[in-house]
Amino acid sequence: MALIITDECINCDVCELACPNQAISQGEFIYQIDPNHCTECVGHYDEPQCVQVCPVACIPVNPAVIETKEQLLAKYEQLQEGKSDEQ
């Protein structure tokens, strides 16, 4: 499952810096999460770091993008392969 940032976002910037996959960026009005890069921190941490640092608890699971832990791990591995290809 990817995460989503709701309109309760206060644009505090902490989630973007906490994301190890660079899945979070500033949208038109609030931050947004790219579901193609969000692994809920699987492969990096035990819990999603953006959720941990968010002061207003506005980052729930995105019901439109349901993935298993195994799918998230596969996405993490694919993203890591892409990083090594860039170097």
C-alpha atoms as a PDB file:
ATOM      1  CA  MET A   1       0.000   0.000   0.000  1.00  0.00           C
ATOM      2  CA  ALA A   2       1.255   3.422  -0.782  1.00  0.00           C
ATOM      3  CA  LEU A   3       0.493   6.308   1.506  1.00  0.00           C
ATOM      4  CA  ILE A   4      -1.327   9.531   0.713  1.00  0.00           C
ATOM      5  CA  ILE A   5      -1.170  13.029   2.184  1.00  0.00           C
ATOM      6  CA  THR A   6      -4.563  14.519   2.986  1.00  0.00           C
ATOM      7  CA  ASP A   7      -5.629  18.157   2.817  1.00  0.00           C
ATOM      8  CA  GLU A   8      -4.952  18.513   6.555  1.00  0.00           C
ATOM      9  CA  CYS A   9      -1.280  18.915   5.523  1.00  0.00           C
ATOM     10  CA  ILE A  10       0.250  22.113   6.907  1.00  0.00           C
ATOM     11  CA  ASN A  11       3.231  22.112   4.490  1.00  0.00           C
ATOM     12  CA  CYS A  12       5.766  21.816   7.304  1.00  0.00           C
ATOM     13  CA  ASP A  13       8.316  20.095   4.993  1.00  0.00           C
ATOM     14  CA  VAL A  14       9.388  17.345   7.428  1.00  0.00           C
ATOM     15  CA  CYS A  15       7.864  14.428   5.500  1.00  0.00           C
ATOM     16  CA  GLU A  16       9.763  15.196   2.308  1.00  0.00           C
ATOM     17  CA  LEU A  17      13.106  15.050   4.099  1.00  0.00           C
ATOM     18  CA  ALA A  18      12.163  11.863   5.963  1.00  0.00           C
ATOM     19  CA  CYS A  19      11.328   9.836   2.837  1.00  0.00           C
ATOM     20  CA  PRO A  20      14.205   7.518   1.837  1.00  0.00           C
ATOM     21  CA  ASN A  21      12.718   6.950  -1.633  1.00  0.00           C
ATOM     22  CA  GLN A  22      12.187  10.596  -2.593  1.00  0.00           C
ATOM     23  CA  ALA A  23       8.503   9.738  -3.092  1.00  0.00           C
ATOM     24  CA  ILE A  24       7.275  12.967  -1.486  1.00  0.00           C
ATOM     25  CA  SER A  25       7.256  16.311  -3.271  1.00  0.00           C
ATOM     26  CA  GLN A  26       5.510  19.647  -3.034  1.00  0.00           C
ATOM     27  CA  GLY A  27       2.260  19.660  -4.964  1.00  0.00           C
ATOM     28  CA  GLU A  28       0.202  22.642  -6.006  1.00  0.00           C
ATOM     29  CA  PHE A  29      -1.241  23.182  -2.521  1.00  0.00           C
ATOM     30  CA  ILE A  30       0.120  20.424  -0.264  1.00  0.00           C
ATOM     31  CA  TYR A  31       2.765  17.735  -0.379  1.00  0.00           C
ATOM     32  CA  GLN A  32       2.032  14.629  -2.429  1.00  0.00           C
ATOM     33  CA  ILE A  33       3.303  11.055  -2.488  1.00  0.00           C
ATOM     34  CA  ASP A  34       4.203   9.269  -5.724  1.00  0.00           C
ATOM     35  CA  PRO A  35       2.763   5.745  -5.304  1.00  0.00           C
ATOM     36  CA  ASN A  36       5.345   4.415  -7.772  1.00  0.00           C
ATOM     37  CA  HIS A  37       8.114   5.334  -5.324  1.00  0.00           C
ATOM     38  CA  CYS A  38       6.387   4.840  -1.972  1.00  0.00           C
ATOM     39  CA  THR A  39       7.284   1.548  -0.280  1.00  0.00           C
ATOM     40  CA  GLU A  40       5.995   2.618   3.150  1.00  0.00           C
ATOM     41  CA  CYS A  41       9.705   2.503   4.002  1.00  0.00           C
ATOM     42  CA  VAL A  42       9.810  -1.286   3.526  1.00  0.00           C
ATOM     43  CA  GLY A  43      13.472  -2.137   2.944  1.00  0.00           C
ATOM     44  CA  HIS A  44      14.618   0.951   4.838  1.00  0.00           C
ATOM     45  CA  TYR A  45      12.741   1.098   8.158  1.00  0.00           C
ATOM     46  CA  ASP A  46      10.173  -0.838  10.176  1.00  0.00           C
ATOM     47  CA  GLU A  47       7.623   1.993   9.956  1.00  0.00           C
ATOM     48  CA  PRO A  48       6.894   4.751   7.430  1.00  0.00           C
ATOM     49  CA  GLN A  49       9.107   7.663   8.402  1.00  0.00           C
ATOM     50  CA  CYS A  50       6.773  10.327   7.025  1.00  0.00           C
ATOM     51  CA  VAL A  51       4.013   9.086   9.319  1.00  0.00           C
ATOM     52  CA  GLN A  52       6.424   9.140  12.257  1.00  0.00           C
ATOM     53  CA  VAL A  53       7.449  12.768  11.739  1.00  0.00           C
ATOM     54  CA  CYS A  54       4.119  14.268  10.622  1.00  0.00           C
ATOM     55  CA  PRO A  55       2.886  16.670  13.328  1.00  0.00           C
ATOM     56  CA  VAL A  56      -0.758  16.593  12.191  1.00  0.00           C
ATOM     57  CA  ALA A  57      -1.211  12.886  11.357  1.00  0.00           C
ATOM     58  CA  CYS A  58      -2.369  13.500   7.792  1.00  0.00           C
ATOM     59  CA  ILE A  59      -0.677  10.535   6.074  1.00  0.00           C
ATOM     60  CA  PRO A  60      -2.968   7.480   5.936  1.00  0.00           C
ATOM     61  CA  VAL A  61      -2.807   4.450   3.654  1.00  0.00           C
ATOM     62  CA  ASN A  62      -4.010   5.243   0.151  1.00  0.00           C
ATOM     63  CA  PRO A  63      -7.029   2.968  -0.423  1.00  0.00           C
ATOM     64  CA  ALA A  64      -6.574   3.294  -4.197  1.00  0.00           C
ATOM     65  CA  VAL A  65      -3.124   1.657  -4.074  1.00  0.00           C
ATOM     66  CA  ILE A  66      -3.253  -1.623  -2.157  1.00  0.00           C
ATOM     67  CA  GLU A  67       0.007  -3.607  -2.063  1.00  0.00           C
ATOM     68  CA  THR A  68       1.263  -6.479   0.069  1.00  0.00           C
ATOM     69  CA  LYS A  69       4.484  -6.344   2.070  1.00  0.00           C
ATOM     70  CA  GLU A  70       6.037  -8.594  -0.578  1.00  0.00           C
ATOM     71  CA  GLN A  71       5.005  -6.207  -3.373  1.00  0.00           C
ATOM     72  CA  LEU A  72       6.438  -3.264  -1.422  1.00  0.00           C
ATOM     73  CA  LEU A  73       9.716  -5.127  -0.933  1.00  0.00           C
ATOM     74  CA  ALA A  74       9.859  -5.928  -4.667  1.00  0.00           C
ATOM     75  CA  LYS A  75       9.256  -2.244  -5.445  1.00  0.00           C
ATOM     76  CA  TYR A  76      12.023  -1.287  -2.993  1.00  0.00           C
ATOM     77  CA  GLU A  77      14.433  -3.704  -4.715  1.00  0.00           C
ATOM     78  CA  GLN A  78      13.491  -2.342  -8.142  1.00  0.00           C
ATOM     79  CA  LEU A  79      14.055   1.237  -6.962  1.00  0.00           C
ATOM     80  CA  GLN A  80      17.460   0.240  -5.552  1.00  0.00           C
ATOM     81  CA  GLU A  81      18.416  -1.362  -8.867  1.00  0.00           C
ATOM     82  CA  GLY A  82      17.460   1.867 -10.630  1.00  0.00           C
ATOM     83  CA  LYS A  83      19.711   3.846  -8.303  1.00  0.00           C
ATOM     84  CA  SER A  84      22.688   1.584  -8.998  1.00  0.00           C
ATOM     85  CA  ASP A  85      22.047   1.857 -12.748  1.00  0.00           C
ATOM     86  CA  GLU A  86      22.226   5.666 -12.486  1.00  0.00           C
ATOM     87  CA  GLN A  87      25.664   5.606 -10.850  1.00  0.00           C
END
